[in-house]
Amino acid sequence: MLPLMREHPPELADAAERQQQIVTRAQLLAASFDDMYLYRQTRRGLWQRVLPGTYSLVTGTLTEEQRRIAAALYAGPEAQLTGLAALIWYGFRQSPRTDDVHLIVPHQARRTSAGFARVARSLALDARARRTSIYPVCSPARAVVDAARDLHHLRPVRAIVAESVQRGFTDLARLDEEIRRARRSRTALVRKAFSEVVQGTRSAPEAELRECLAGSRLLPEIRWNPRLVAGDGGSLPTPDGYLADAAVALEVDSQEYHFSPGDWARTLDRHNELSRHGILILHFTPAQIRRDPGRIRRTVEDAYESRRGVGAASRVRVEPVEVPG
């Protein structure tokens, strides 16, 4: 009979160290432990079984990385981390938080979801996946699309799509490629969010402002994130939205989406520079847009009506911007 306690052999100790104390049943059996010993260790609270055939050699709540490692070891060597778990790994700020770890495996694999490991079979794994020392992570574009397919509301989908482009995790071409790969399978929300980004909106609150103003019968075309040039040819700060005929700029003021507390002076400089060229800036917060969109729309309409034709006198022009194909 095996003793209740035993020193880990070097090969197991090395694997446990590399895998942050998460090991598989196969690794334990290879180290000459048997199932009865595993049972006793978990029964006594010295180890914990975190997923089928997957153990933590320490007790307590697993860290995010330990959960990713455990899920990857459970899913198998070909599994790739994707969805919200991958976005959290990349450091997305606007990604919804989740305790689940989403992975994709080859379509012929038999592994199914268990516990916090959410396993999906895929006809095509991500050829651009990034490999860590333990598991591959799908590229940001693939992870964004996979995450969006599991979300049920437009707002978080808008947030992760906009952040993926705004912070340089991926580009429009890669996102478009992944959306096309997924075809029509649960992609309605990500297609809408992608269309908004292509047309110029760069954050979820900007998209909500755009949606709010789209119902106006009075307002003309609004240019989103336009490149503005002064009469002397100098570049001006880029507002979130711009009504060229009235020289009215729209700004969504959100510390969460746009700036850190130390950037307040820079925001004032932008405001003053636009004002110096005769542009009226209207500021809205995401909370205002969501709470009373009708009031926001009336405010913009009133400003446009009172300043119609001012744009020509300001000599500020909008430069065309090429959208990546």
Protein backbone atom coordinates (compact mmCIF):
# COMPACT_ATOMS: atom_id res chain seq x y z
CA MET A 1 0.00 0.00 0.00
CA LEU A 2 1.31 3.49 -0.81
CA PRO A 3 1.98 5.87 2.09
CA LEU A 4 -0.36 8.80 2.56
CA MET A 5 2.41 11.35 1.97
CA ARG A 6 5.29 11.15 -0.45
CA GLU A 7 7.87 13.46 -1.96
CA HIS A 8 7.15 14.33 -5.56
CA PRO A 9 9.65 12.74 -7.94
CA PRO A 10 11.78 15.28 -9.88
CA GLU A 11 9.91 14.88 -13.18
CA LEU A 12 6.57 15.57 -11.48
CA ALA A 13 7.99 18.43 -9.44
CA ASP A 14 9.32 20.05 -12.63
CA ALA A 15 5.97 19.67 -14.41
CA ALA A 16 4.06 20.99 -11.41
CA GLU A 17 6.34 24.02 -11.21
CA ARG A 18 5.94 24.74 -14.93
CA GLN A 19 2.16 24.24 -14.74
CA GLN A 20 1.66 26.29 -11.57
CA GLN A 21 0.86 23.19 -9.47
CA ILE A 22 -1.78 21.91 -11.89
CA VAL A 23 -1.18 18.35 -13.11
CA THR A 24 -3.07 15.63 -14.92
CA ARG A 25 -3.94 12.17 -13.73
CA ALA A 26 -1.69 10.78 -16.48
CA GLN A 27 1.26 12.75 -15.12
CA LEU A 28 0.56 11.51 -11.60
CA LEU A 29 0.27 7.88 -12.72
CA ALA A 30 3.51 8.26 -14.69
CA ALA A 31 5.15 9.40 -11.45
CA SER A 32 4.14 6.06 -9.83
CA PHE A 33 1.15 7.37 -7.86
CA ASP A 34 -2.00 5.29 -8.11
CA ASP A 35 -5.67 6.26 -8.09
CA MET A 36 -6.09 5.33 -4.42
CA TYR A 37 -3.31 7.75 -3.47
CA LEU A 38 -4.96 10.51 -5.55
CA TYR A 39 -8.27 9.80 -3.81
CA ARG A 40 -6.67 9.98 -0.37
CA GLN A 41 -4.88 13.24 -1.09
CA THR A 42 -8.05 14.92 -2.27
CA ARG A 43 -10.15 13.38 0.54
CA ARG A 44 -7.73 14.79 3.13
CA GLY A 45 -7.87 18.22 1.49
CA LEU A 46 -4.18 18.23 0.53
CA TRP A 47 -4.95 18.28 -3.21
CA GLN A 48 -8.07 19.21 -5.13
CA ARG A 49 -9.62 17.74 -8.24
CA VAL A 50 -10.42 20.79 -10.37
CA LEU A 51 -11.60 19.07 -13.56
CA PRO A 52 -11.93 15.43 -14.65
CA GLY A 53 -8.46 13.92 -14.61
CA THR A 54 -6.95 17.27 -13.56
CA TYR A 55 -5.62 18.10 -10.10
CA SER A 56 -4.23 21.03 -8.18
CA LEU A 57 -1.44 20.05 -5.81
CA VAL A 58 -2.34 23.04 -3.63
CA THR A 59 -5.64 24.01 -2.05
CA GLY A 60 -7.48 27.31 -2.22
CA THR A 61 -9.06 29.30 -5.02
CA LEU A 62 -7.36 28.93 -8.37
CA THR A 63 -5.91 31.99 -10.07
CA GLU A 64 -7.05 32.94 -13.58
CA GLU A 65 -3.87 31.46 -15.02
CA GLN A 66 -4.29 28.21 -13.05
CA ARG A 67 -7.83 27.91 -14.42
CA ARG A 68 -6.54 28.42 -17.96
CA ILE A 69 -3.82 25.82 -17.44
CA ALA A 70 -6.27 23.32 -15.91
CA ALA A 71 -8.75 23.77 -18.75
CA ALA A 72 -6.03 23.43 -21.37
CA LEU A 73 -4.63 20.27 -19.77
CA TYR A 74 -8.12 18.83 -19.58
CA ALA A 75 -8.99 19.70 -23.20
CA GLY A 76 -5.79 18.24 -24.62
CA PRO A 77 -2.63 19.40 -26.40
CA GLU A 78 -4.44 20.58 -29.56
CA ALA A 79 -6.88 22.82 -27.67
CA GLN A 80 -6.66 26.59 -28.21
CA LEU A 81 -7.78 29.23 -25.74
CA THR A 82 -10.40 31.53 -27.28
CA GLY A 83 -13.39 33.75 -26.53
CA LEU A 84 -13.56 35.87 -23.40
CA ALA A 85 -10.81 33.84 -21.71
CA ALA A 86 -8.41 34.75 -24.52
CA LEU A 87 -9.45 38.43 -24.43
CA ILE A 88 -8.75 38.51 -20.69
CA TRP A 89 -5.36 36.89 -21.38
CA TYR A 90 -4.57 39.62 -23.94
CA GLY A 91 -5.56 42.34 -21.46
CA PHE A 92 -8.78 43.67 -22.98
CA ARG A 93 -10.18 46.31 -20.63
CA GLN A 94 -13.77 46.18 -21.88
CA SER A 95 -14.13 42.41 -21.99
CA PRO A 96 -16.86 41.01 -19.73
CA ARG A 97 -15.37 38.95 -16.93
CA THR A 98 -16.05 35.24 -16.71
CA ASP A 99 -14.92 32.26 -14.67
CA ASP A 100 -15.36 29.98 -17.65
CA VAL A 101 -12.41 29.11 -19.87
CA HIS A 102 -13.40 28.71 -23.52
CA LEU A 103 -11.34 26.49 -25.80
CA ILE A 104 -11.67 25.08 -29.29
CA VAL A 105 -10.52 21.59 -30.24
CA PRO A 106 -10.37 19.75 -33.59
CA HIS A 107 -13.78 18.68 -34.86
CA GLN A 108 -12.93 14.99 -34.52
CA ALA A 109 -11.93 15.36 -30.84
CA ARG A 110 -14.22 13.68 -28.31
CA ARG A 111 -13.56 16.03 -25.40
CA THR A 112 -16.67 17.81 -24.08
CA SER A 113 -17.23 20.68 -21.67
CA ALA A 114 -16.83 20.05 -17.94
CA GLY A 115 -16.89 22.43 -15.02
CA PHE A 116 -15.37 25.77 -15.97
CA ALA A 117 -13.78 24.32 -19.13
CA ARG A 118 -16.08 25.19 -22.04
CA VAL A 119 -14.97 23.13 -25.02
CA ALA A 120 -16.23 23.61 -28.58
CA ARG A 121 -15.27 21.58 -31.63
CA SER A 122 -14.13 23.52 -34.68
CA LEU A 123 -13.67 22.58 -38.30
CA ALA A 124 -10.65 24.91 -38.44
CA LEU A 125 -8.32 25.79 -35.58
CA ASP A 126 -6.64 29.20 -35.64
CA ALA A 127 -3.51 29.13 -37.78
CA ARG A 128 -2.43 32.44 -36.19
CA ALA A 129 -2.73 31.23 -32.60
CA ARG A 130 0.03 32.37 -30.26
CA ARG A 131 1.76 29.65 -28.30
CA THR A 132 2.64 29.98 -24.64
CA SER A 133 4.71 27.46 -22.71
CA ILE A 134 1.58 25.42 -21.95
CA TYR A 135 -1.29 26.28 -24.30
CA PRO A 136 -1.97 28.15 -27.58
CA VAL A 137 -4.08 31.33 -27.54
CA CYS A 138 -6.22 32.22 -30.55
CA SER A 139 -5.33 35.43 -32.34
CA PRO A 140 -7.19 38.54 -31.10
CA ALA A 141 -9.42 38.64 -34.20
CA ARG A 142 -10.49 35.00 -33.77
CA ALA A 143 -10.98 35.46 -30.02
CA VAL A 144 -13.13 38.58 -30.53
CA VAL A 145 -15.43 36.83 -33.00
CA ASP A 146 -15.67 33.68 -30.87
CA ALA A 147 -16.45 35.78 -27.78
CA ALA A 148 -19.08 37.81 -29.65
CA ARG A 149 -20.82 34.62 -30.78
CA ASP A 150 -21.35 33.66 -27.12
CA LEU A 151 -22.62 37.10 -26.02
CA HIS A 152 -26.31 37.97 -26.21
CA HIS A 153 -26.30 41.79 -26.07
CA LEU A 154 -24.93 44.35 -28.50
CA ARG A 155 -23.25 46.63 -25.95
CA PRO A 156 -20.45 44.25 -24.82
CA VAL A 157 -19.93 43.11 -28.43
CA ARG A 158 -19.51 46.73 -29.50
CA ALA A 159 -17.05 47.28 -26.67
CA ILE A 160 -14.72 44.39 -27.52
CA VAL A 161 -14.85 44.98 -31.29
CA ALA A 162 -14.07 48.68 -30.87
CA GLU A 163 -11.30 48.03 -28.35
CA SER A 164 -9.67 45.39 -30.53
CA VAL A 165 -9.16 47.97 -33.29
CA GLN A 166 -8.65 51.11 -31.20
CA ARG A 167 -5.90 49.56 -29.07
CA GLY A 168 -4.22 47.81 -32.00
CA PHE A 169 -4.91 44.20 -31.03
CA THR A 170 -6.06 43.54 -34.60
CA ASP A 171 -7.22 45.37 -37.71
CA LEU A 172 -10.36 45.55 -39.82
CA ALA A 173 -9.08 43.14 -42.44
CA ARG A 174 -8.41 40.36 -39.89
CA LEU A 175 -11.76 40.91 -38.18
CA ASP A 176 -13.55 40.78 -41.51
CA GLU A 177 -11.74 37.55 -42.37
CA GLU A 178 -12.80 35.90 -39.10
CA ILE A 179 -16.41 37.06 -39.43
CA ARG A 180 -16.54 35.61 -42.94
CA ARG A 181 -15.05 32.35 -41.65
CA ALA A 182 -17.78 32.08 -39.02
CA ARG A 183 -20.40 32.75 -41.71
CA ARG A 184 -23.92 33.26 -40.32
CA SER A 185 -23.51 31.18 -37.19
CA ARG A 186 -24.45 33.52 -34.33
CA THR A 187 -22.65 36.47 -35.95
CA ALA A 188 -25.44 39.07 -36.25
CA LEU A 189 -24.17 41.15 -33.32
CA VAL A 190 -20.52 41.10 -34.33
CA ARG A 191 -21.45 41.98 -37.92
CA LYS A 192 -23.35 45.04 -36.70
CA ALA A 193 -20.53 46.14 -34.38
CA PHE A 194 -17.97 45.61 -37.15
CA SER A 195 -20.05 47.69 -39.57
CA GLU A 196 -20.11 50.54 -37.06
CA VAL A 197 -16.35 50.48 -36.65
CA VAL A 198 -15.84 50.44 -40.43
CA GLN A 199 -18.03 53.51 -40.67
CA GLY A 200 -15.98 55.40 -38.11
CA THR A 201 -17.18 54.74 -34.57
CA ARG A 202 -14.40 53.61 -32.26
CA SER A 203 -16.04 52.80 -28.94
CA ALA A 204 -19.28 51.38 -27.60
CA PRO A 205 -20.52 54.76 -26.27
CA GLU A 206 -19.82 56.36 -29.67
CA ALA A 207 -21.87 53.64 -31.32
CA GLU A 208 -24.71 54.29 -28.89
CA LEU A 209 -24.56 58.01 -29.68
CA ARG A 210 -24.66 57.19 -33.37
CA GLU A 211 -27.69 54.96 -32.85
CA CYS A 212 -29.35 57.68 -30.79
CA LEU A 213 -28.92 60.30 -33.55
CA ALA A 214 -29.77 57.97 -36.43
CA GLY A 215 -33.47 58.45 -35.70
CA SER A 216 -33.34 62.20 -36.34
CA ARG A 217 -35.23 63.53 -39.37
CA LEU A 218 -33.43 66.85 -39.14
CA LEU A 219 -29.75 66.04 -38.91
CA PRO A 220 -27.66 65.50 -42.06
CA GLU A 221 -24.81 63.02 -42.34
CA ILE A 222 -22.58 62.94 -39.27
CA ARG A 223 -18.90 62.25 -39.89
CA TRP A 224 -17.50 59.94 -37.22
CA ASN A 225 -13.90 60.38 -36.09
CA PRO A 226 -13.18 62.65 -39.06
CA ARG A 227 -9.83 64.10 -40.02
CA LEU A 228 -10.28 67.87 -39.72
CA VAL A 229 -8.05 70.42 -41.43
CA ALA A 230 -8.02 74.14 -40.65
CA GLY A 231 -8.09 76.87 -43.29
CA ASP A 232 -4.32 77.25 -43.06
CA GLY A 233 -3.81 73.54 -43.75
CA GLY A 234 -3.00 72.57 -40.17
CA SER A 235 -4.46 69.41 -38.64
CA LEU A 236 -7.08 69.77 -35.92
CA PRO A 237 -8.02 67.36 -33.13
CA THR A 238 -10.41 64.60 -34.18
CA PRO A 239 -13.82 64.76 -32.49
CA ASP A 240 -15.98 61.68 -32.05
CA GLY A 241 -18.60 63.11 -34.42
CA TYR A 242 -18.83 66.19 -36.63
CA LEU A 243 -21.61 68.08 -38.41
CA ALA A 244 -19.67 69.87 -41.11
CA ASP A 245 -22.41 72.29 -42.26
CA ALA A 246 -22.87 73.69 -38.74
CA ALA A 247 -19.31 73.20 -37.46
CA VAL A 248 -20.62 71.24 -34.46
CA ALA A 249 -18.39 68.62 -32.86
CA LEU A 250 -19.75 65.78 -30.72
CA GLU A 251 -17.65 64.30 -27.92
CA VAL A 252 -18.41 61.31 -25.71
CA ASP A 253 -16.68 62.10 -22.43
CA SER A 254 -15.90 58.81 -20.78
CA GLN A 255 -12.94 58.27 -18.51
CA GLU A 256 -13.57 54.53 -18.84
CA TYR A 257 -13.20 54.52 -22.63
CA HIS A 258 -11.07 57.48 -23.57
CA PHE A 259 -8.59 58.70 -21.02
CA SER A 260 -6.89 58.24 -17.70
CA PRO A 261 -7.32 60.88 -14.97
CA GLY A 262 -4.01 62.52 -15.95
CA ASP A 263 -5.29 63.31 -19.44
CA TRP A 264 -7.82 65.96 -18.41
CA ALA A 265 -5.52 68.85 -19.43
CA ARG A 266 -5.08 67.28 -22.86
CA THR A 267 -8.86 67.09 -23.25
CA LEU A 268 -9.14 70.80 -22.45
CA ASP A 269 -6.45 71.58 -25.02
CA ARG A 270 -8.42 69.68 -27.68
CA HIS A 271 -11.56 71.60 -26.77
CA ASN A 272 -9.82 74.96 -26.92
CA GLU A 273 -8.14 74.20 -30.25
CA LEU A 274 -11.44 73.28 -31.89
CA SER A 275 -13.18 76.30 -30.34
CA ARG A 276 -10.45 78.59 -31.64
CA HIS A 277 -11.50 77.65 -35.17
CA GLY A 278 -15.17 78.39 -34.59
CA ILE A 279 -16.33 74.87 -33.77
CA LEU A 280 -19.00 74.29 -31.13
CA ILE A 281 -18.29 71.20 -29.03
CA LEU A 282 -21.13 69.30 -27.39
CA HIS A 283 -20.09 66.91 -24.62
CA PHE A 284 -22.10 63.87 -23.54
CA THR A 285 -21.40 61.04 -21.12
CA PRO A 286 -22.28 57.39 -21.84
CA ALA A 287 -24.73 57.50 -18.92
CA GLN A 288 -26.57 60.48 -20.43
CA ILE A 289 -26.82 58.79 -23.82
CA ARG A 290 -28.26 55.61 -22.30
CA ARG A 291 -30.56 57.35 -19.81
CA ASP A 292 -32.17 59.97 -22.08
CA PRO A 293 -31.35 59.51 -25.78
CA GLY A 294 -34.29 61.69 -26.80
CA ARG A 295 -32.88 64.66 -24.90
CA ILE A 296 -29.45 64.13 -26.45
CA ARG A 297 -30.97 64.05 -29.93
CA ARG A 298 -32.92 67.29 -29.32
CA THR A 299 -29.78 69.02 -28.03
CA VAL A 300 -27.82 68.13 -31.16
CA GLU A 301 -30.73 69.11 -33.41
CA ASP A 302 -31.10 72.50 -31.71
CA ALA A 303 -27.38 73.19 -32.04
CA TYR A 304 -27.43 72.22 -35.70
CA GLU A 305 -30.47 74.39 -36.45
CA SER A 306 -28.99 77.45 -34.75
CA ARG A 307 -25.63 77.11 -36.57
CA ARG A 308 -26.61 75.85 -40.00
CA GLY A 309 -24.22 77.32 -42.58
CA VAL A 310 -21.54 78.25 -40.04
CA GLY A 311 -19.32 75.45 -41.30
CA ALA A 312 -18.51 77.23 -44.56
CA ALA A 313 -17.47 80.37 -42.71
CA SER A 314 -15.17 78.44 -40.36
CA ARG A 315 -13.09 77.20 -43.32
CA VAL A 316 -12.60 73.89 -41.54
CA ARG A 317 -12.81 70.97 -43.95
CA VAL A 318 -13.12 67.22 -43.54
CA GLU A 319 -10.41 65.15 -45.20
CA PRO A 320 -11.46 61.80 -46.69
CA VAL A 321 -10.20 58.75 -44.82
CA GLU A 322 -9.45 55.48 -46.55
CA VAL A 323 -11.06 52.48 -44.92
CA PRO A 324 -8.97 49.27 -45.02
CA GLY A 325 -10.48 46.61 -47.30
